[in-house]
Amino acid sequence: MPLPNVSAKCLSDITEYCKEHLKKGEAAETSFDMEFVKARDNESLKEMILGANYLNIKDLLDMLNQAVADRIKNKSVEYVR
């Protein structure tokens, strides 16, 4: 399945997220999610949003969008651009 704007590394990260959530279920949504997001820079989050959206992984997409919103909260317009 071609995803021209999503790298192999990003797809690997998305797979890691899915495997962790399959293995641990609801319990994975705590510390794993926080560490998963914290370990990635803004560009990686943007790329993962594209991949999660294309692959229709709603829980991951919601989490990533919230992470971006939290990162830009109270930031200047210049920073957000």
Protein backbone atom coordinates (compact mmCIF):
# COMPACT_ATOMS: atom_id res chain seq x y z
CA MET A 1 0.00 0.00 0.00
CA PRO A 2 1.75 3.20 -1.11
CA LEU A 3 1.96 6.04 1.41
CA PRO A 4 4.19 8.63 -0.30
CA ASN A 5 4.26 11.09 2.63
CA VAL A 6 4.91 8.49 5.32
CA SER A 7 8.34 6.95 5.88
CA ALA A 8 9.08 3.34 6.74
CA LYS A 9 10.19 4.49 10.20
CA CYS A 10 6.83 6.17 10.76
CA LEU A 11 4.95 3.06 9.66
CA SER A 12 7.11 1.04 12.03
CA ASP A 13 6.14 3.41 14.87
CA ILE A 14 2.46 3.09 13.98
CA THR A 15 2.83 -0.70 13.99
CA GLU A 16 4.52 -0.52 17.40
CA TYR A 17 1.57 1.50 18.74
CA CYS A 18 -0.97 -0.98 17.37
CA LYS A 19 0.90 -4.02 18.71
CA GLU A 20 1.19 -2.47 22.16
CA HIS A 21 -2.52 -1.65 22.25
CA LEU A 22 -3.48 -5.13 21.06
CA LYS A 23 -1.27 -6.69 23.71
CA LYS A 24 -2.28 -4.50 26.65
CA GLY A 25 -5.69 -3.18 25.63
CA GLU A 26 -6.99 -0.27 27.70
CA ALA A 27 -4.04 -0.51 30.09
CA ALA A 28 -1.69 0.62 27.31
CA GLU A 29 -3.39 4.00 27.16
CA THR A 30 -1.51 5.36 30.13
CA SER A 31 2.25 5.51 30.40
CA PHE A 32 2.91 3.93 27.00
CA ASP A 33 0.92 6.63 25.18
CA MET A 34 2.63 9.45 27.06
CA GLU A 35 6.10 8.04 26.36
CA PHE A 36 5.17 7.24 22.76
CA VAL A 37 4.26 10.87 22.09
CA LYS A 38 7.05 12.40 24.18
CA ALA A 39 9.70 10.47 22.22
CA ARG A 40 8.71 12.10 18.92
CA ASP A 41 9.38 15.55 17.52
CA ASN A 42 6.76 17.73 15.83
CA GLU A 43 7.66 16.57 12.31
CA SER A 44 7.33 12.93 13.34
CA LEU A 45 3.94 13.62 14.90
CA LYS A 46 2.77 15.33 11.72
CA GLU A 47 3.89 12.38 9.61
CA MET A 48 2.24 9.92 11.99
CA ILE A 49 -1.02 11.89 11.81
CA LEU A 50 -0.96 11.45 8.03
CA GLY A 51 -0.34 7.72 8.37
CA ALA A 52 -2.92 7.18 11.12
CA ASN A 53 -5.50 9.11 9.12
CA TYR A 54 -4.85 7.14 5.93
CA LEU A 55 -4.91 3.84 7.82
CA ASN A 56 -8.03 4.93 9.73
CA ILE A 57 -6.57 4.26 13.20
CA LYS A 58 -8.92 6.57 15.11
CA ASP A 59 -7.47 6.10 18.61
CA LEU A 60 -3.95 6.90 17.42
CA LEU A 61 -5.16 9.82 15.33
CA ASP A 62 -7.06 11.30 18.29
CA MET A 63 -4.07 10.87 20.59
CA LEU A 64 -1.65 12.48 18.11
CA ASN A 65 -3.98 15.41 17.41
CA GLN A 66 -4.34 16.01 21.15
CA ALA A 67 -0.56 15.85 21.56
CA VAL A 68 -0.06 18.49 18.87
CA ALA A 69 -2.78 20.67 20.43
CA ASP A 70 -1.06 20.37 23.82
CA ARG A 71 2.30 21.32 22.30
CA ILE A 72 1.01 24.47 20.59
CA LYS A 73 -1.21 25.60 23.44
CA ASN A 74 -0.25 29.14 24.53
CA LYS A 75 2.44 29.40 21.82
CA SER A 76 2.86 32.36 19.51
CA VAL A 77 1.58 32.35 15.94
CA GLU A 78 5.19 32.39 14.73
CA TYR A 79 5.97 29.25 16.73
CA VAL A 80 2.93 27.42 15.36
CA ARG A 81 3.84 28.26 11.75
